[in-house]
């Protein structure tokens, strides 16, 4: 199912997803994504071999965010990047967050 999300583009006009359907949406992306504590975002941690691989991932993610015009919150360190998607203008989750998560899932780096 995540493949179909990767074929989609974010839309400028979106609405909040029903909170009772968020688990269904989570099943459409990699199982490593989870709801944030407040339920207004989805989060995933990525681990890398070194700083170079981490930054390559961050740069590729930035390209996706720019192309989709939907930008995550990032926390970046030497070999780790935490990615949180939320539709800030709505104060919660929209389809755009899951579309971008599916695109980011495709970036999973080779561990070597």
C-alpha atoms as a PDB file:
ATOM      1  CA  UNK A   1       0.000   0.000   0.000  1.00  0.00           C
ATOM      2  CA  UNK A   2       2.836   2.420   0.692  1.00  0.00           C
ATOM      3  CA  UNK A   3       3.735   2.270  -2.995  1.00  0.00           C
ATOM      4  CA  UNK A   4       0.491   3.996  -3.900  1.00  0.00           C
ATOM      5  CA  UNK A   5       1.318   6.836  -1.490  1.00  0.00           C
ATOM      6  CA  UNK A   6       4.740   7.267  -3.135  1.00  0.00           C
ATOM      7  CA  UNK A   7       2.990   7.871  -6.431  1.00  0.00           C
ATOM      8  CA  UNK A   8       1.024  10.780  -4.982  1.00  0.00           C
ATOM      9  CA  UNK A   9       1.958  14.419  -4.450  1.00  0.00           C
ATOM     10  CA  UNK A  10       1.029  16.617  -1.535  1.00  0.00           C
ATOM     11  CA  UNK A  11      -1.935  18.914  -2.052  1.00  0.00           C
ATOM     12  CA  UNK A  12      -2.146  22.552  -1.003  1.00  0.00           C
ATOM     13  CA  UNK A  13      -5.653  22.200   0.396  1.00  0.00           C
ATOM     14  CA  UNK A  14      -6.036  19.362   2.876  1.00  0.00           C
ATOM     15  CA  UNK A  15      -8.025  18.648   5.994  1.00  0.00           C
ATOM     16  CA  UNK A  16      -7.291  16.949   9.281  1.00  0.00           C
ATOM     17  CA  UNK A  17      -7.581  13.186   9.260  1.00  0.00           C
ATOM     18  CA  UNK A  18     -10.108  11.610  11.588  1.00  0.00           C
ATOM     19  CA  UNK A  19      -8.243  10.488  14.700  1.00  0.00           C
ATOM     20  CA  UNK A  20     -10.124   7.178  14.696  1.00  0.00           C
ATOM     21  CA  UNK A  21      -8.618   6.386  11.280  1.00  0.00           C
ATOM     22  CA  UNK A  22      -4.971   7.211  12.057  1.00  0.00           C
ATOM     23  CA  UNK A  23      -4.065   3.568  12.712  1.00  0.00           C
ATOM     24  CA  UNK A  24      -5.331   2.728   9.207  1.00  0.00           C
ATOM     25  CA  UNK A  25      -3.101   5.458   7.778  1.00  0.00           C
ATOM     26  CA  UNK A  26      -0.104   4.210   9.779  1.00  0.00           C
ATOM     27  CA  UNK A  27      -0.490   0.780   8.148  1.00  0.00           C
ATOM     28  CA  UNK A  28       0.113   2.436   4.777  1.00  0.00           C
ATOM     29  CA  UNK A  29       3.699   3.434   5.677  1.00  0.00           C
ATOM     30  CA  UNK A  30       6.648   1.535   7.147  1.00  0.00           C
ATOM     31  CA  UNK A  31       5.918   0.067  10.575  1.00  0.00           C
ATOM     32  CA  UNK A  32       8.745   2.160  12.074  1.00  0.00           C
ATOM     33  CA  UNK A  33       6.533   5.286  11.911  1.00  0.00           C
ATOM     34  CA  UNK A  34       4.516   5.961  15.049  1.00  0.00           C
ATOM     35  CA  UNK A  35       2.194   8.633  16.346  1.00  0.00           C
ATOM     36  CA  UNK A  36       3.799  11.332  18.460  1.00  0.00           C
ATOM     37  CA  UNK A  37       2.779  11.505  22.106  1.00  0.00           C
ATOM     38  CA  UNK A  38       0.209  14.212  21.423  1.00  0.00           C
ATOM     39  CA  UNK A  39      -1.165  12.362  18.371  1.00  0.00           C
ATOM     40  CA  UNK A  40      -0.604  15.375  16.116  1.00  0.00           C
ATOM     41  CA  UNK A  41       2.324  13.981  14.156  1.00  0.00           C
ATOM     42  CA  UNK A  42       4.103  10.872  12.988  1.00  0.00           C
ATOM     43  CA  UNK A  43       7.712  10.181  13.873  1.00  0.00           C
ATOM     44  CA  UNK A  44      10.461   7.837  12.782  1.00  0.00           C
ATOM     45  CA  UNK A  45      14.096   7.472  13.818  1.00  0.00           C
ATOM     46  CA  UNK A  46      16.760   6.635  11.254  1.00  0.00           C
ATOM     47  CA  UNK A  47      20.227   5.356  12.208  1.00  0.00           C
ATOM     48  CA  UNK A  48      23.283   5.560   9.960  1.00  0.00           C
ATOM     49  CA  UNK A  49      26.863   4.348   9.808  1.00  0.00           C
ATOM     50  CA  UNK A  50      28.400   7.815  10.082  1.00  0.00           C
ATOM     51  CA  UNK A  51      27.902  11.546   9.673  1.00  0.00           C
ATOM     52  CA  UNK A  52      28.304  11.451   5.889  1.00  0.00           C
ATOM     53  CA  UNK A  53      25.465   8.942   5.458  1.00  0.00           C
ATOM     54  CA  UNK A  54      23.292  10.896   7.873  1.00  0.00           C
ATOM     55  CA  UNK A  55      23.797  14.125   5.963  1.00  0.00           C
ATOM     56  CA  UNK A  56      23.213  12.417   2.600  1.00  0.00           C
ATOM     57  CA  UNK A  57      19.871  11.217   3.963  1.00  0.00           C
ATOM     58  CA  UNK A  58      19.011  14.687   5.305  1.00  0.00           C
ATOM     59  CA  UNK A  59      19.828  16.294   1.952  1.00  0.00           C
ATOM     60  CA  UNK A  60      17.709  13.754   0.060  1.00  0.00           C
ATOM     61  CA  UNK A  61      14.870  14.299   2.533  1.00  0.00           C
ATOM     62  CA  UNK A  62      15.183  18.070   2.056  1.00  0.00           C
ATOM     63  CA  UNK A  63      14.806  17.567  -1.703  1.00  0.00           C
ATOM     64  CA  UNK A  64      11.643  15.516  -1.168  1.00  0.00           C
ATOM     65  CA  UNK A  65      10.240  18.114   1.243  1.00  0.00           C
ATOM     66  CA  UNK A  66      10.957  20.908  -1.226  1.00  0.00           C
ATOM     67  CA  UNK A  67       9.366  19.027  -4.142  1.00  0.00           C
ATOM     68  CA  UNK A  68       6.299  18.163  -2.067  1.00  0.00           C
ATOM     69  CA  UNK A  69       6.186  21.598  -0.387  1.00  0.00           C
ATOM     70  CA  UNK A  70       5.660  19.839   2.940  1.00  0.00           C
ATOM     71  CA  UNK A  71       8.425  20.105   5.501  1.00  0.00           C
ATOM     72  CA  UNK A  72       9.183  17.912   8.519  1.00  0.00           C
ATOM     73  CA  UNK A  73      10.770  18.727  11.825  1.00  0.00           C
ATOM     74  CA  UNK A  74      14.214  17.138  12.034  1.00  0.00           C
ATOM     75  CA  UNK A  75      16.594  16.338  14.837  1.00  0.00           C
ATOM     76  CA  UNK A  76      20.016  15.466  13.429  1.00  0.00           C
ATOM     77  CA  UNK A  77      23.149  14.121  15.107  1.00  0.00           C
ATOM     78  CA  UNK A  78      26.270  12.242  14.006  1.00  0.00           C
ATOM     79  CA  UNK A  79      24.593   8.982  12.996  1.00  0.00           C
ATOM     80  CA  UNK A  80      20.928   9.604  13.711  1.00  0.00           C
ATOM     81  CA  UNK A  81      18.030  11.567  12.293  1.00  0.00           C
ATOM     82  CA  UNK A  82      14.586  11.823  13.848  1.00  0.00           C
ATOM     83  CA  UNK A  83      11.868  12.886  11.385  1.00  0.00           C
ATOM     84  CA  UNK A  84       8.462  14.204  12.455  1.00  0.00           C
ATOM     85  CA  UNK A  85       5.731  15.072   9.983  1.00  0.00           C
ATOM     86  CA  UNK A  86       2.712  17.141  10.955  1.00  0.00           C
ATOM     87  CA  UNK A  87       0.581  19.596   9.051  1.00  0.00           C
ATOM     88  CA  UNK A  88       1.401  22.617  11.188  1.00  0.00           C
ATOM     89  CA  UNK A  89      -1.222  24.836   9.580  1.00  0.00           C
ATOM     90  CA  UNK A  90      -3.911  22.379  10.716  1.00  0.00           C
ATOM     91  CA  UNK A  91      -2.416  21.453  14.066  1.00  0.00           C
ATOM     92  CA  UNK A  92      -2.465  17.743  13.280  1.00  0.00           C
ATOM     93  CA  UNK A  93      -2.157  15.094  10.601  1.00  0.00           C
ATOM     94  CA  UNK A  94      -3.268  15.219   6.986  1.00  0.00           C
ATOM     95  CA  UNK A  95      -2.759  12.906   4.021  1.00  0.00           C
ATOM     96  CA  UNK A  96       0.306  15.003   3.109  1.00  0.00           C
ATOM     97  CA  UNK A  97       2.159  13.706   6.177  1.00  0.00           C
ATOM     98  CA  UNK A  98       1.696  10.096   5.125  1.00  0.00           C
ATOM     99  CA  UNK A  99       2.521  10.830   1.485  1.00  0.00           C
ATOM    100  CA  UNK A 100       5.837  12.369   2.567  1.00  0.00           C
ATOM    101  CA  UNK A 101       6.527   9.551   5.028  1.00  0.00           C
ATOM    102  CA  UNK A 102       6.117   7.044   2.192  1.00  0.00           C
ATOM    103  CA  UNK A 103       8.556   9.021   0.043  1.00  0.00           C
ATOM    104  CA  UNK A 104      11.072   9.146   2.902  1.00  0.00           C
ATOM    105  CA  UNK A 105      10.707   5.387   3.430  1.00  0.00           C
ATOM    106  CA  UNK A 106      12.132   4.948  -0.071  1.00  0.00           C
ATOM    107  CA  UNK A 107      15.358   6.630   1.094  1.00  0.00           C
ATOM    108  CA  UNK A 108      16.340   3.895   3.527  1.00  0.00           C
ATOM    109  CA  UNK A 109      20.085   3.856   3.153  1.00  0.00           C
ATOM    110  CA  UNK A 110      22.293   0.876   2.590  1.00  0.00           C
ATOM    111  CA  UNK A 111      23.901   0.194   6.014  1.00  0.00           C
ATOM    112  CA  UNK A 112      27.340  -0.241   4.410  1.00  0.00           C
END
